[in-house]
Amino acid sequence: MSNVHLVGSRMLQCAEKTYMTHVYRYPKKNGGFIHTAETVLDSGDNIVSDGNTIEEALAKQRQILPLALFSRDVLRRTTTTMSRRPFSGKVS
């Protein structure tokens, strides 16, 4: 993928926070281009959306960002709650 080019960056706002999203373009094997929007949520935690245009990739990213943040919050709360419970040896 040496033909990947950064074509722009946008700030996306969600849940009172702002996230930097980079949009890349690379050629398709059958001609034309594919655009990829990548948002870094945390170190090693990225979400990626593809589209035929920059606008399509960003629209998908805007749509999926709230769900991505919610799922990570649920995971964080679940693992925090489970680590505080003493092990009883019983299965509920």
C-alpha atoms as a PDB file:
ATOM      1  CA  MET A   1       0.000   0.000   0.000  1.00  0.00           C
ATOM      2  CA  SER A   2       2.770   2.431  -0.887  1.00  0.00           C
ATOM      3  CA  ASN A   3       0.274   4.482  -2.913  1.00  0.00           C
ATOM      4  CA  VAL A   4      -1.668   5.591   0.172  1.00  0.00           C
ATOM      5  CA  HIS A   5      -1.995   9.361   0.454  1.00  0.00           C
ATOM      6  CA  LEU A   6      -3.279  11.475   3.330  1.00  0.00           C
ATOM      7  CA  VAL A   7      -5.909  13.693   1.713  1.00  0.00           C
ATOM      8  CA  GLY A   8      -7.118  15.546   4.790  1.00  0.00           C
ATOM      9  CA  SER A   9      -7.877  15.635   8.478  1.00  0.00           C
ATOM     10  CA  ARG A  10     -11.066  16.581  10.258  1.00  0.00           C
ATOM     11  CA  MET A  11     -12.059  17.063  13.870  1.00  0.00           C
ATOM     12  CA  LEU A  12     -15.145  15.015  14.788  1.00  0.00           C
ATOM     13  CA  GLN A  13     -17.024  15.881  17.952  1.00  0.00           C
ATOM     14  CA  CYS A  14     -18.862  13.278  19.979  1.00  0.00           C
ATOM     15  CA  ALA A  15     -19.801  12.969  23.647  1.00  0.00           C
ATOM     16  CA  GLU A  16     -18.339  16.380  24.478  1.00  0.00           C
ATOM     17  CA  LYS A  17     -14.927  15.348  23.140  1.00  0.00           C
ATOM     18  CA  THR A  18     -13.201  16.058  19.870  1.00  0.00           C
ATOM     19  CA  TYR A  19     -11.356  13.370  17.904  1.00  0.00           C
ATOM     20  CA  MET A  20      -8.880  13.817  15.068  1.00  0.00           C
ATOM     21  CA  THR A  21      -9.836  11.844  11.976  1.00  0.00           C
ATOM     22  CA  HIS A  22      -7.429  11.372   9.083  1.00  0.00           C
ATOM     23  CA  VAL A  23      -8.691  10.523   5.606  1.00  0.00           C
ATOM     24  CA  TYR A  24      -6.513   8.521   3.233  1.00  0.00           C
ATOM     25  CA  ARG A  25      -6.953   7.667  -0.426  1.00  0.00           C
ATOM     26  CA  TYR A  26      -5.511   4.719  -2.280  1.00  0.00           C
ATOM     27  CA  PRO A  27      -6.131   3.207  -5.693  1.00  0.00           C
ATOM     28  CA  LYS A  28      -8.442   0.258  -6.223  1.00  0.00           C
ATOM     29  CA  LYS A  29      -7.137  -2.668  -8.244  1.00  0.00           C
ATOM     30  CA  ASN A  30      -9.922  -2.200 -10.812  1.00  0.00           C
ATOM     31  CA  GLY A  31      -9.469   1.582 -11.083  1.00  0.00           C
ATOM     32  CA  GLY A  32     -10.774   4.496  -9.097  1.00  0.00           C
ATOM     33  CA  PHE A  33     -10.027   5.165  -5.464  1.00  0.00           C
ATOM     34  CA  ILE A  34     -11.120   4.051  -2.026  1.00  0.00           C
ATOM     35  CA  HIS A  35     -11.118   6.522   0.857  1.00  0.00           C
ATOM     36  CA  THR A  36     -10.455   5.483   4.440  1.00  0.00           C
ATOM     37  CA  ALA A  37     -11.284   7.578   7.512  1.00  0.00           C
ATOM     38  CA  GLU A  38      -9.311   6.640  10.628  1.00  0.00           C
ATOM     39  CA  THR A  39     -10.021   8.001  14.108  1.00  0.00           C
ATOM     40  CA  VAL A  40      -7.636   7.322  16.974  1.00  0.00           C
ATOM     41  CA  LEU A  41      -9.544   6.846  20.229  1.00  0.00           C
ATOM     42  CA  ASP A  42      -6.603   5.752  22.353  1.00  0.00           C
ATOM     43  CA  SER A  43      -3.158   4.310  21.873  1.00  0.00           C
ATOM     44  CA  GLY A  44      -3.681   1.202  19.736  1.00  0.00           C
ATOM     45  CA  ASP A  45      -7.443   1.779  19.517  1.00  0.00           C
ATOM     46  CA  ASN A  46      -8.563   3.061  16.124  1.00  0.00           C
ATOM     47  CA  ILE A  47     -11.817   2.916  14.218  1.00  0.00           C
ATOM     48  CA  VAL A  48     -11.753   2.831  10.438  1.00  0.00           C
ATOM     49  CA  SER A  49     -14.444   3.389   7.810  1.00  0.00           C
ATOM     50  CA  ASP A  50     -14.147   3.086   4.044  1.00  0.00           C
ATOM     51  CA  GLY A  51     -16.058   4.887   1.323  1.00  0.00           C
ATOM     52  CA  ASN A  52     -15.926   5.700  -2.369  1.00  0.00           C
ATOM     53  CA  THR A  53     -15.583   9.412  -1.549  1.00  0.00           C
ATOM     54  CA  ILE A  54     -14.113  11.437   1.293  1.00  0.00           C
ATOM     55  CA  GLU A  55     -17.607  12.515   2.301  1.00  0.00           C
ATOM     56  CA  GLU A  56     -18.884   8.926   2.379  1.00  0.00           C
ATOM     57  CA  ALA A  57     -15.990   7.727   4.554  1.00  0.00           C
ATOM     58  CA  LEU A  58     -16.463  10.649   6.972  1.00  0.00           C
ATOM     59  CA  ALA A  59     -20.249  10.139   7.113  1.00  0.00           C
ATOM     60  CA  LYS A  60     -19.721   6.498   8.079  1.00  0.00           C
ATOM     61  CA  GLN A  61     -17.176   7.549  10.687  1.00  0.00           C
ATOM     62  CA  ARG A  62     -19.563  10.117  12.192  1.00  0.00           C
ATOM     63  CA  GLN A  63     -22.268   7.453  12.370  1.00  0.00           C
ATOM     64  CA  ILE A  64     -20.120   4.738  13.980  1.00  0.00           C
ATOM     65  CA  LEU A  65     -18.173   6.969  16.416  1.00  0.00           C
ATOM     66  CA  PRO A  66     -20.934   7.185  19.080  1.00  0.00           C
ATOM     67  CA  LEU A  67     -21.407   3.400  19.007  1.00  0.00           C
ATOM     68  CA  ALA A  68     -17.655   2.804  19.231  1.00  0.00           C
ATOM     69  CA  LEU A  69     -17.365   5.105  22.248  1.00  0.00           C
ATOM     70  CA  PHE A  70     -20.422   3.558  23.927  1.00  0.00           C
ATOM     71  CA  SER A  71     -19.131  -0.002  23.472  1.00  0.00           C
ATOM     72  CA  ARG A  72     -15.774   0.918  24.988  1.00  0.00           C
ATOM     73  CA  ASP A  73     -17.521   2.579  27.926  1.00  0.00           C
ATOM     74  CA  VAL A  74     -19.644  -0.539  28.525  1.00  0.00           C
ATOM     75  CA  LEU A  75     -16.522  -2.719  28.408  1.00  0.00           C
ATOM     76  CA  ARG A  76     -14.702  -0.412  30.827  1.00  0.00           C
ATOM     77  CA  ARG A  77     -17.618  -0.364  33.288  1.00  0.00           C
ATOM     78  CA  THR A  78     -18.110  -4.139  33.028  1.00  0.00           C
ATOM     79  CA  THR A  79     -14.478  -4.995  33.624  1.00  0.00           C
ATOM     80  CA  THR A  80     -14.248  -2.484  36.481  1.00  0.00           C
ATOM     81  CA  THR A  81     -17.361  -3.933  38.162  1.00  0.00           C
ATOM     82  CA  MET A  82     -16.219  -7.515  37.713  1.00  0.00           C
ATOM     83  CA  SER A  83     -12.756  -6.840  39.139  1.00  0.00           C
ATOM     84  CA  ARG A  84     -14.328  -5.451  42.353  1.00  0.00           C
ATOM     85  CA  ARG A  85     -16.501  -8.527  43.012  1.00  0.00           C
ATOM     86  CA  PRO A  86     -15.052 -11.189  45.281  1.00  0.00           C
ATOM     87  CA  PHE A  87     -14.886 -14.650  43.766  1.00  0.00           C
ATOM     88  CA  SER A  88     -17.558 -16.859  45.344  1.00  0.00           C
ATOM     89  CA  GLY A  89     -16.949 -20.048  43.383  1.00  0.00           C
ATOM     90  CA  LYS A  90     -20.636 -20.159  42.421  1.00  0.00           C
ATOM     91  CA  VAL A  91     -21.963 -19.797  38.907  1.00  0.00           C
ATOM     92  CA  SER A  92     -25.118 -17.687  38.639  1.00  0.00           C
END
